[in-house]
PDB file of N, CA and C in Angstrom:
ATOM      1  N   MET A   1     -36.352   8.999  50.842  1.00  0.00           N
ATOM      2  CA  MET A   1     -34.510   8.968  51.589  1.00  0.00           C
ATOM      3  C   MET A   1     -34.115   8.105  50.846  1.00  0.00           C
ATOM      4  N   LYS A   2     -34.851   6.732  51.144  1.00  0.00           N
ATOM      5  CA  LYS A   2     -33.589   5.476  50.914  1.00  0.00           C
ATOM      6  C   LYS A   2     -33.801   5.732  49.452  1.00  0.00           C
ATOM      7  N   LYS A   3     -34.429   5.945  48.499  1.00  0.00           N
ATOM      8  CA  LYS A   3     -34.724   5.528  47.632  1.00  0.00           C
ATOM      9  C   LYS A   3     -33.710   6.703  47.071  1.00  0.00           C
ATOM     10  N   PHE A   4     -33.600   7.677  47.077  1.00  0.00           N
ATOM     11  CA  PHE A   4     -32.719   8.189  46.459  1.00  0.00           C
ATOM     12  C   PHE A   4     -31.338   8.270  46.935  1.00  0.00           C
ATOM     13  N   LEU A   5     -30.865   7.672  47.548  1.00  0.00           N
ATOM     14  CA  LEU A   5     -29.423   6.980  47.924  1.00  0.00           C
ATOM     15  C   LEU A   5     -29.480   6.101  46.973  1.00  0.00           C
ATOM     16  N   MET A   6     -30.501   5.050  47.058  1.00  0.00           N
ATOM     17  CA  MET A   6     -30.596   3.612  46.406  1.00  0.00           C
ATOM     18  C   MET A   6     -29.898   4.400  44.515  1.00  0.00           C
ATOM     19  N   LEU A   7     -31.080   4.967  44.527  1.00  0.00           N
ATOM     20  CA  LEU A   7     -31.259   5.540  43.064  1.00  0.00           C
ATOM     21  C   LEU A   7     -29.380   6.186  42.457  1.00  0.00           C
ATOM     22  N   THR A   8     -29.131   6.871  43.717  1.00  0.00           N
ATOM     23  CA  THR A   8     -28.059   7.693  43.086  1.00  0.00           C
ATOM     24  C   THR A   8     -26.392   6.561  43.248  1.00  0.00           C
ATOM     25  N   ALA A   9     -26.430   5.865  44.485  1.00  0.00           N
ATOM     26  CA  ALA A   9     -25.620   5.117  44.266  1.00  0.00           C
ATOM     27  C   ALA A   9     -26.020   3.963  42.631  1.00  0.00           C
ATOM     28  N   LEU A  10     -26.729   3.417  42.180  1.00  0.00           N
ATOM     29  CA  LEU A  10     -26.759   3.524  41.062  1.00  0.00           C
ATOM     30  C   LEU A  10     -26.306   3.567  39.825  1.00  0.00           C
ATOM     31  N   CYS A  11     -26.306   5.116  39.846  1.00  0.00           N
ATOM     32  CA  CYS A  11     -25.760   5.836  38.824  1.00  0.00           C
ATOM     33  C   CYS A  11     -24.922   6.192  38.732  1.00  0.00           C
ATOM     34  N   LEU A  12     -23.625   6.064  40.428  1.00  0.00           N
ATOM     35  CA  LEU A  12     -22.607   6.289  40.359  1.00  0.00           C
ATOM     36  C   LEU A  12     -21.833   4.977  40.246  1.00  0.00           C
ATOM     37  N   SER A  13     -22.030   3.663  40.441  1.00  0.00           N
ATOM     38  CA  SER A  13     -21.553   2.457  40.065  1.00  0.00           C
ATOM     39  C   SER A  13     -22.223   2.539  37.787  1.00  0.00           C
ATOM     40  N   MET A  14     -23.444   2.577  37.671  1.00  0.00           N
ATOM     41  CA  MET A  14     -23.240   2.842  35.984  1.00  0.00           C
ATOM     42  C   MET A  14     -22.327   4.177  35.371  1.00  0.00           C
ATOM     43  N   ALA A  15     -21.959   5.186  36.182  1.00  0.00           N
ATOM     44  CA  ALA A  15     -20.794   5.226  35.342  1.00  0.00           C
ATOM     45  C   ALA A  15     -19.353   5.125  35.604  1.00  0.00           C
ATOM     46  N   SER A  16     -18.998   4.794  36.849  1.00  0.00           N
ATOM     47  CA  SER A  16     -17.767   4.158  36.789  1.00  0.00           C
ATOM     48  C   SER A  16     -17.536   2.889  35.762  1.00  0.00           C
ATOM     49  N   CYS A  17     -18.911   1.971  35.408  1.00  0.00           N
ATOM     50  CA  CYS A  17     -18.988   0.746  34.434  1.00  0.00           C
ATOM     51  C   CYS A  17     -18.623   1.543  33.364  1.00  0.00           C
ATOM     52  N   LEU A  18     -19.141   2.585  33.261  1.00  0.00           N
ATOM     53  CA  LEU A  18     -19.167   2.851  31.495  1.00  0.00           C
ATOM     54  C   LEU A  18     -18.239   3.768  31.118  1.00  0.00           C
ATOM     55  N   THR A  19     -17.189   4.466  32.620  1.00  0.00           N
ATOM     56  CA  THR A  19     -16.143   5.157  32.197  1.00  0.00           C
ATOM     57  C   THR A  19     -15.059   3.655  31.878  1.00  0.00           C
ATOM     58  N   ALA A  20     -15.041   2.953  32.509  1.00  0.00           N
ATOM     59  CA  ALA A  20     -13.941   1.858  32.700  1.00  0.00           C
ATOM     60  C   ALA A  20     -14.260   1.272  30.852  1.00  0.00           C
ATOM     61  N   HIS A  21     -15.146   1.268  30.804  1.00  0.00           N
ATOM     62  CA  HIS A  21     -15.066   0.579  29.204  1.00  0.00           C
ATOM     63  C   HIS A  21     -15.315   1.055  27.904  1.00  0.00           C
ATOM     64  N   ALA A  22     -14.923   3.389  28.437  1.00  0.00           N
ATOM     65  CA  ALA A  22     -14.434   3.714  27.465  1.00  0.00           C
ATOM     66  C   ALA A  22     -13.387   4.550  27.136  1.00  0.00           C
ATOM     67  N   GLU A  23     -12.373   4.123  28.474  1.00  0.00           N
ATOM     68  CA  GLU A  23     -11.154   3.712  28.962  1.00  0.00           C
ATOM     69  C   GLU A  23     -10.350   2.289  28.030  1.00  0.00           C
ATOM     70  N   ALA A  24     -11.365   1.475  28.159  1.00  0.00           N
ATOM     71  CA  ALA A  24     -11.058   0.771  27.579  1.00  0.00           C
ATOM     72  C   ALA A  24     -10.544   0.600  25.817  1.00  0.00           C
ATOM     73  N   ASP A  25     -11.287   0.785  25.786  1.00  0.00           N
ATOM     74  CA  ASP A  25     -11.934   1.428  23.904  1.00  0.00           C
ATOM     75  C   ASP A  25     -10.783   2.129  23.665  1.00  0.00           C
ATOM     76  N   LYS A  26     -10.118   3.405  24.166  1.00  0.00           N
ATOM     77  CA  LYS A  26      -9.468   4.118  23.996  1.00  0.00           C
ATOM     78  C   LYS A  26      -7.441   3.671  24.267  1.00  0.00           C
ATOM     79  N   ALA A  27      -7.492   1.910  24.587  1.00  0.00           N
ATOM     80  CA  ALA A  27      -6.093   1.569  24.868  1.00  0.00           C
ATOM     81  C   ALA A  27      -5.679   1.374  23.284  1.00  0.00           C
ATOM     82  N   PRO A  28      -5.677   0.807  22.794  1.00  0.00           N
ATOM     83  CA  PRO A  28      -5.459   0.253  21.549  1.00  0.00           C
ATOM     84  C   PRO A  28      -5.275   1.611  20.639  1.00  0.00           C
ATOM     85  N   LYS A  29      -5.382   2.592  20.432  1.00  0.00           N
ATOM     86  CA  LYS A  29      -5.274   4.041  20.189  1.00  0.00           C
ATOM     87  C   LYS A  29      -4.184   4.479  20.302  1.00  0.00           C
ATOM     88  N   GLU A  30      -4.556   4.240  21.935  1.00  0.00           N
ATOM     89  CA  GLU A  30      -3.033   5.228  22.558  1.00  0.00           C
ATOM     90  C   GLU A  30      -1.835   4.585  22.747  1.00  0.00           C
ATOM     91  N   SER A  31      -1.969   2.779  22.349  1.00  0.00           N
ATOM     92  CA  SER A  31      -0.775   2.409  22.157  1.00  0.00           C
ATOM     93  C   SER A  31       0.071   2.650  21.359  1.00  0.00           C
ATOM     94  N   LYS A  32      -1.046   2.799  19.947  1.00  0.00           N
ATOM     95  CA  LYS A  32      -0.570   2.907  18.393  1.00  0.00           C
ATOM     96  C   LYS A  32       0.632   4.421  18.441  1.00  0.00           C
ATOM     97  N   MET A  33      -0.578   5.435  18.905  1.00  0.00           N
ATOM     98  CA  MET A  33      -0.206   6.636  19.328  1.00  0.00           C
ATOM     99  C   MET A  33       1.157   7.113  19.824  1.00  0.00           C
ATOM    100  N   GLY A  34       1.486   6.182  21.148  1.00  0.00           N
ATOM    101  CA  GLY A  34       2.583   6.258  21.863  1.00  0.00           C
ATOM    102  C   GLY A  34       3.637   5.203  21.405  1.00  0.00           C
ATOM    103  N   GLN A  35       3.607   4.426  20.403  1.00  0.00           N
ATOM    104  CA  GLN A  35       4.676   3.537  19.238  1.00  0.00           C
ATOM    105  C   GLN A  35       5.006   4.183  18.624  1.00  0.00           C
ATOM    106  N   CYS A  36       4.203   5.043  18.395  1.00  0.00           N
ATOM    107  CA  CYS A  36       4.316   5.981  16.663  1.00  0.00           C
ATOM    108  C   CYS A  36       5.240   7.247  16.968  1.00  0.00           C
ATOM    109  N   HIS A  37       4.921   7.336  18.437  1.00  0.00           N
ATOM    110  CA  HIS A  37       5.609   8.988  19.377  1.00  0.00           C
ATOM    111  C   HIS A  37       7.018   8.559  19.266  1.00  0.00           C
ATOM    112  N   LYS A  38       7.030   6.899  20.029  1.00  0.00           N
ATOM    113  CA  LYS A  38       8.623   6.703  20.507  1.00  0.00           C
ATOM    114  C   LYS A  38       9.675   6.069  18.786  1.00  0.00           C
ATOM    115  N   THR A  39       9.055   5.988  17.409  1.00  0.00           N
ATOM    116  CA  THR A  39       9.636   5.618  17.213  1.00  0.00           C
ATOM    117  C   THR A  39      10.030   7.005  16.131  1.00  0.00           C
ATOM    118  N   ALA A  40       8.969   7.777  16.023  1.00  0.00           N
ATOM    119  CA  ALA A  40       9.449   9.600  15.508  1.00  0.00           C
ATOM    120  C   ALA A  40      10.699   9.803  16.130  1.00  0.00           C
ATOM    121  N   LYS A  41      11.046   9.807  17.911  1.00  0.00           N
ATOM    122  CA  LYS A  41      11.767  10.324  18.306  1.00  0.00           C
ATOM    123  C   LYS A  41      13.192   9.520  18.636  1.00  0.00           C
ATOM    124  N   ALA A  42      12.899   8.451  17.885  1.00  0.00           N
ATOM    125  CA  ALA A  42      13.972   7.666  17.610  1.00  0.00           C
ATOM    126  C   ALA A  42      14.506   8.168  16.493  1.00  0.00           C
ATOM    127  N   LYS A  43      13.849   8.326  16.046  1.00  0.00           N
ATOM    128  CA  LYS A  43      14.274   8.998  13.996  1.00  0.00           C
ATOM    129  C   LYS A  43      14.943  10.479  14.299  1.00  0.00           C
ATOM    130  N   ASN A  44      14.371  10.731  14.877  1.00  0.00           N
ATOM    131  CA  ASN A  44      14.882  12.282  15.596  1.00  0.00           C
ATOM    132  C   ASN A  44      13.826  13.494  14.433  1.00  0.00           C
ATOM    133  N   LEU A  45      12.639  12.681  13.992  1.00  0.00           N
ATOM    134  CA  LEU A  45      12.367  13.937  13.249  1.00  0.00           C
ATOM    135  C   LEU A  45      11.530  14.619  13.687  1.00  0.00           C
ATOM    136  N   ALA A  46      11.271  16.021  13.383  1.00  0.00           N
ATOM    137  CA  ALA A  46      10.896  16.907  13.773  1.00  0.00           C
ATOM    138  C   ALA A  46      10.097  17.888  12.539  1.00  0.00           C
ATOM    139  N   GLY A  47       9.527  18.344  12.772  1.00  0.00           N
ATOM    140  CA  GLY A  47       8.316  19.447  12.203  1.00  0.00           C
ATOM    141  C   GLY A  47       7.852  18.954  10.571  1.00  0.00           C
ATOM    142  N   ASP A  48       7.920  18.800   9.635  1.00  0.00           N
ATOM    143  CA  ASP A  48       7.227  18.752   8.363  1.00  0.00           C
ATOM    144  C   ASP A  48       7.244  16.876   8.572  1.00  0.00           C
ATOM    145  N   GLU A  49       8.288  17.179   9.067  1.00  0.00           N
ATOM    146  CA  GLU A  49       8.844  15.208   8.301  1.00  0.00           C
ATOM    147  C   GLU A  49       7.941  14.390   9.783  1.00  0.00           C
ATOM    148  N   ARG A  50       8.013  14.864  10.707  1.00  0.00           N
ATOM    149  CA  ARG A  50       7.747  14.457  11.754  1.00  0.00           C
ATOM    150  C   ARG A  50       5.453  14.255  11.554  1.00  0.00           C
ATOM    151  N   LYS A  51       5.562  15.275  11.217  1.00  0.00           N
ATOM    152  CA  LYS A  51       4.017  14.903  11.107  1.00  0.00           C
ATOM    153  C   LYS A  51       3.548  14.238   9.568  1.00  0.00           C
ATOM    154  N   ALA A  52       4.681  14.155   8.790  1.00  0.00           N
ATOM    155  CA  ALA A  52       4.247  13.019   7.801  1.00  0.00           C
ATOM    156  C   ALA A  52       4.288  12.056   8.601  1.00  0.00           C
ATOM    157  N   PHE A  53       5.337  11.604   9.010  1.00  0.00           N
ATOM    158  CA  PHE A  53       5.347   9.921   9.741  1.00  0.00           C
ATOM    159  C   PHE A  53       4.497   9.573  10.630  1.00  0.00           C
ATOM    160  N   MET A  54       3.985  10.640  11.343  1.00  0.00           N
ATOM    161  CA  MET A  54       3.036  10.727  12.136  1.00  0.00           C
ATOM    162  C   MET A  54       1.729   9.994  11.481  1.00  0.00           C
ATOM    163  N   LYS A  55       1.184  10.797  10.323  1.00  0.00           N
ATOM    164  CA  LYS A  55       0.082  10.834   9.484  1.00  0.00           C
ATOM    165  C   LYS A  55       0.251   9.197   9.205  1.00  0.00           C
ATOM    166  N   GLU A  56       0.893   9.092   8.740  1.00  0.00           N
ATOM    167  CA  GLU A  56       1.156   7.747   8.035  1.00  0.00           C
ATOM    168  C   GLU A  56       1.124   6.192   8.663  1.00  0.00           C
ATOM    169  N   CYS A  57       2.304   6.563  10.156  1.00  0.00           N
ATOM    170  CA  CYS A  57       1.832   5.523  11.470  1.00  0.00           C
ATOM    171  C   CYS A  57       0.885   5.611  11.895  1.00  0.00           C
ATOM    172  N   LEU A  58       0.091   6.224  12.274  1.00  0.00           N
ATOM    173  CA  LEU A  58      -1.402   6.507  12.583  1.00  0.00           C
ATOM    174  C   LEU A  58      -2.456   5.893  12.166  1.00  0.00           C
ATOM    175  N   SER A  59      -2.069   5.244  10.494  1.00  0.00           N
ATOM    176  CA  SER A  59      -2.733   5.379   9.821  1.00  0.00           C
ATOM    177  C   SER A  59      -2.867   4.104   9.481  1.00  0.00           C
ATOM    178  N   ALA A  60      -1.560   3.519   9.068  1.00  0.00           N
ATOM    179  CA  ALA A  60      -1.026   2.145   8.917  1.00  0.00           C
ATOM    180  C   ALA A  60      -1.810   1.137   9.714  1.00  0.00           C
ATOM    181  N   LYS A  61      -2.093  -0.230   9.413  1.00  0.00           N
ATOM    182  CA  LYS A  61      -2.517  -0.898   9.528  1.00  0.00           C
ATOM    183  C   LYS A  61      -1.351  -1.903  10.901  1.00  0.00           C
ATOM    184  N   GLY A  62      -1.937  -1.989  12.127  1.00  0.00           N
ATOM    185  CA  GLY A  62      -0.722  -2.617  13.158  1.00  0.00           C
ATOM    186  C   GLY A  62      -1.052  -4.244  13.094  1.00  0.00           C
ATOM    187  N   PRO A  63      -0.735  -4.989  13.657  1.00  0.00           N
ATOM    188  CA  PRO A  63      -0.075  -6.094  13.706  1.00  0.00           C
ATOM    189  C   PRO A  63      -1.334  -6.870  14.136  1.00  0.00           C
ATOM    190  N   GLY A  64      -2.043  -7.667  13.670  1.00  0.00           N
ATOM    191  CA  GLY A  64      -3.585  -8.200  13.745  1.00  0.00           C
ATOM    192  C   GLY A  64      -4.151  -7.684  13.422  1.00  0.00           C
ATOM    193  N   THR A  65      -4.882  -6.072  12.878  1.00  0.00           N
ATOM    194  CA  THR A  65      -5.956  -6.389  12.164  1.00  0.00           C
ATOM    195  C   THR A  65      -5.517  -6.911  10.684  1.00  0.00           C
ATOM    196  N   GLU A  66      -4.740  -7.620  10.126  1.00  0.00           N
ATOM    197  CA  GLU A  66      -4.882  -7.842   8.810  1.00  0.00           C
ATOM    198  C   GLU A  66      -6.032  -8.970   8.685  1.00  0.00           C
ATOM    199  N   PRO A  67      -6.700  -9.315   7.397  1.00  0.00           N
ATOM    200  CA  PRO A  67      -7.436  -9.639   7.758  1.00  0.00           C
ATOM    201  C   PRO A  67      -7.127 -11.473   7.832  1.00  0.00           C
ATOM    202  N   ALA A  68      -7.775 -12.633   8.530  1.00  0.00           N
ATOM    203  CA  ALA A  68      -7.027 -13.508   7.844  1.00  0.00           C
ATOM    204  C   ALA A  68      -7.703 -14.524   7.070  1.00  0.00           C
ATOM    205  N   LYS A  69      -6.180 -15.483   6.667  1.00  0.00           N
ATOM    206  CA  LYS A  69      -6.113 -15.811   5.074  1.00  0.00           C
ATOM    207  C   LYS A  69      -6.679 -17.259   5.256  1.00  0.00           C
ATOM    208  N   THR A  70      -8.081 -17.206   4.263  1.00  0.00           N
ATOM    209  CA  THR A  70      -8.905 -18.588   4.410  1.00  0.00           C
ATOM    210  C   THR A  70      -7.801 -19.595   4.058  1.00  0.00           C
ATOM    211  N   SER A  71      -9.349 -21.026   3.815  1.00  0.00           N
ATOM    212  CA  SER A  71      -8.225 -22.346   3.301  1.00  0.00           C
ATOM    213  C   SER A  71      -8.697 -22.475   2.262  1.00  0.00           C
ATOM    214  N   PRO A  72      -8.656 -23.341   1.742  1.00  0.00           N
ATOM    215  CA  PRO A  72      -8.738 -23.579  -0.157  1.00  0.00           C
ATOM    216  C   PRO A  72     -10.426 -23.851   0.272  1.00  0.00           C
ATOM    217  N   GLN A  73     -10.583 -24.856   0.976  1.00  0.00           N
ATOM    218  CA  GLN A  73     -11.505 -24.935   1.135  1.00  0.00           C
ATOM    219  C   GLN A  73     -12.415 -23.560   1.667  1.00  0.00           C
ATOM    220  N   GLU A  74     -12.895 -22.889   1.774  1.00  0.00           N
ATOM    221  CA  GLU A  74     -13.183 -21.359   1.967  1.00  0.00           C
ATOM    222  C   GLU A  74     -13.360 -21.306   0.417  1.00  0.00           C
ATOM    223  N   ASP A  75     -12.325 -20.673  -0.311  1.00  0.00           N
ATOM    224  CA  ASP A  75     -12.464 -20.505  -1.421  1.00  0.00           C
ATOM    225  C   ASP A  75     -12.714 -21.051  -2.450  1.00  0.00           C
ATOM    226  N   ALA A  76     -13.022 -22.181  -1.882  1.00  0.00           N
ATOM    227  CA  ALA A  76     -13.552 -22.932  -2.894  1.00  0.00           C
ATOM    228  C   ALA A  76     -15.598 -22.710  -2.691  1.00  0.00           C
ATOM    229  N   MET A  77     -15.999 -22.512  -1.259  1.00  0.00           N
ATOM    230  CA  MET A  77     -17.217 -22.702  -1.441  1.00  0.00           C
ATOM    231  C   MET A  77     -16.898 -21.046  -1.992  1.00  0.00           C
ATOM    232  N   ASN A  78     -16.647 -19.625  -1.264  1.00  0.00           N
ATOM    233  CA  ASN A  78     -17.000 -18.510  -2.692  1.00  0.00           C
ATOM    234  C   ASN A  78     -16.891 -18.815  -3.452  1.00  0.00           C
ATOM    235  N   ALA A  79     -16.228 -19.811  -4.463  1.00  0.00           N
ATOM    236  CA  ALA A  79     -16.147 -19.497  -5.516  1.00  0.00           C
ATOM    237  C   ALA A  79     -17.588 -20.080  -6.163  1.00  0.00           C
ATOM    238  N   CYS A  80     -18.392 -21.402  -5.400  1.00  0.00           N
ATOM    239  CA  CYS A  80     -19.150 -21.859  -6.183  1.00  0.00           C
ATOM    240  C   CYS A  80     -20.689 -20.799  -5.901  1.00  0.00           C
ATOM    241  N   LYS A  81     -20.544 -19.707  -4.011  1.00  0.00           N
ATOM    242  CA  LYS A  81     -21.293 -19.105  -4.038  1.00  0.00           C
ATOM    243  C   LYS A  81     -21.765 -17.921  -5.061  1.00  0.00           C
ATOM    244  N   ALA A  82     -20.698 -17.739  -6.025  1.00  0.00           N
ATOM    245  CA  ALA A  82     -20.273 -16.593  -6.781  1.00  0.00           C
ATOM    246  C   ALA A  82     -21.152 -17.044  -7.945  1.00  0.00           C
ATOM    247  N   GLU A  83     -20.860 -18.821  -8.063  1.00  0.00           N
ATOM    248  CA  GLU A  83     -21.760 -18.943  -9.403  1.00  0.00           C
ATOM    249  C   GLU A  83     -22.974 -19.669  -9.646  1.00  0.00           C
ATOM    250  N   ALA A  84     -23.776 -20.085  -8.189  1.00  0.00           N
ATOM    251  CA  ALA A  84     -25.132 -19.604  -7.840  1.00  0.00           C
ATOM    252  C   ALA A  84     -25.476 -18.723  -7.098  1.00  0.00           C
ATOM    253  N   GLN A  85     -24.629 -17.338  -7.765  1.00  0.00           N
ATOM    254  CA  GLN A  85     -25.213 -16.291  -6.551  1.00  0.00           C
ATOM    255  C   GLN A  85     -26.940 -15.852  -7.542  1.00  0.00           C
ATOM    256  N   LYS A  86     -27.023 -16.265  -8.559  1.00  0.00           N
ATOM    257  CA  LYS A  86     -28.786 -15.714  -9.787  1.00  0.00           C
ATOM    258  C   LYS A  86     -29.945 -16.516  -9.174  1.00  0.00           C
ATOM    259  N   LEU A  87     -29.211 -18.011  -8.657  1.00  0.00           N
ATOM    260  CA  LEU A  87     -30.058 -18.859  -8.650  1.00  0.00           C
ATOM    261  C   LEU A  87     -30.445 -18.520  -7.649  1.00  0.00           C
ATOM    262  N   LYS A  88     -32.019 -19.913  -7.394  1.00  0.00           N
ATOM    263  CA  LYS A  88     -33.427 -19.625  -6.131  1.00  0.00           C
ATOM    264  C   LYS A  88     -33.620 -20.921  -6.002  1.00  0.00           C
ATOM    265  N   GLY A  89     -33.336 -21.756  -4.759  1.00  0.00           N
ATOM    266  CA  GLY A  89     -34.127 -22.563  -4.350  1.00  0.00           C
ATOM    267  C   GLY A  89     -33.483 -23.655  -4.441  1.00  0.00           C
ATOM    268  N   ASN A  90     -34.443 -25.006  -5.003  1.00  0.00           N
ATOM    269  CA  ASN A  90     -33.068 -26.190  -5.251  1.00  0.00           C
ATOM    270  C   ASN A  90     -32.683 -26.052  -6.151  1.00  0.00           C
ATOM    271  N   ALA A  91     -32.602 -25.283  -7.587  1.00  0.00           N
ATOM    272  CA  ALA A  91     -32.096 -25.417  -8.731  1.00  0.00           C
ATOM    273  C   ALA A  91     -30.153 -24.533  -7.506  1.00  0.00           C
ATOM    274  N   ARG A  92     -30.245 -23.365  -6.800  1.00  0.00           N
ATOM    275  CA  ARG A  92     -29.289 -22.829  -5.818  1.00  0.00           C
ATOM    276  C   ARG A  92     -28.413 -23.835  -5.575  1.00  0.00           C
ATOM    277  N   GLN A  93     -29.482 -25.270  -4.943  1.00  0.00           N
ATOM    278  CA  GLN A  93     -28.697 -25.941  -3.782  1.00  0.00           C
ATOM    279  C   GLN A  93     -27.915 -27.594  -4.550  1.00  0.00           C
ATOM    280  N   GLU A  94     -28.889 -27.526  -6.094  1.00  0.00           N
ATOM    281  CA  GLU A  94     -27.917 -28.737  -6.854  1.00  0.00           C
ATOM    282  C   GLU A  94     -26.967 -27.774  -7.311  1.00  0.00           C
ATOM    283  N   LYS A  95     -26.837 -26.676  -7.665  1.00  0.00           N
ATOM    284  CA  LYS A  95     -25.653 -25.926  -8.237  1.00  0.00           C
ATOM    285  C   LYS A  95     -24.399 -26.270  -7.169  1.00  0.00           C
ATOM    286  N   MET A  96     -24.777 -25.970  -5.773  1.00  0.00           N
ATOM    287  CA  MET A  96     -24.110 -25.715  -4.343  1.00  0.00           C
ATOM    288  C   MET A  96     -23.452 -27.049  -4.219  1.00  0.00           C
ATOM    289  N   ARG A  97     -24.066 -27.991  -4.388  1.00  0.00           N
ATOM    290  CA  ARG A  97     -23.687 -29.604  -4.367  1.00  0.00           C
ATOM    291  C   ARG A  97     -22.838 -30.227  -5.749  1.00  0.00           C
ATOM    292  N   ALA A  98     -23.263 -29.695  -6.781  1.00  0.00           N
ATOM    293  CA  ALA A  98     -21.931 -30.019  -7.519  1.00  0.00           C
ATOM    294  C   ALA A  98     -20.914 -29.292  -7.824  1.00  0.00           C
ATOM    295  N   CYS A  99     -21.062 -27.885  -7.481  1.00  0.00           N
ATOM    296  CA  CYS A  99     -19.596 -27.182  -7.662  1.00  0.00           C
ATOM    297  C   CYS A  99     -18.535 -27.680  -5.900  1.00  0.00           C
ATOM    298  N   LEU A 100     -19.152 -28.159  -4.779  1.00  0.00           N
ATOM    299  CA  LEU A 100     -18.471 -28.311  -4.184  1.00  0.00           C
ATOM    300  C   LEU A 100     -18.096 -29.786  -3.973  1.00  0.00           C
ATOM    301  N   LYS A 101     -18.626 -30.073  -4.463  1.00  0.00           N
ATOM    302  CA  LYS A 101     -17.898 -32.065  -4.915  1.00  0.00           C
ATOM    303  C   LYS A 101     -16.576 -31.697  -5.767  1.00  0.00           C
ATOM    304  N   SER A 102     -16.879 -31.523  -7.624  1.00  0.00           N
ATOM    305  CA  SER A 102     -16.008 -30.916  -8.523  1.00  0.00           C
ATOM    306  C   SER A 102     -14.788 -30.576  -7.374  1.00  0.00           C
TER     307      SER A 102
END
């Protein structure tokens, strides 16, 4: 009986953890949907106009989802990697050193 109760308690605690994790994943999507609804309501959109606006609004990237800007050093590294892509071993290392020094 004790094993059964302990197993039940363990399952319930795991279920609550999974539920909390699933709700945390939904938060950004729901907030974006809420923002889109508020904007559509403020613009007094209805029917096909509202559908088109909602589709565009929900598919658009929000702030903070844009890729990070690269530094000049990262740009140089990427260019050198592209040049040395087909080389292997010591030849690649030498090419990378020479490219990065220039």
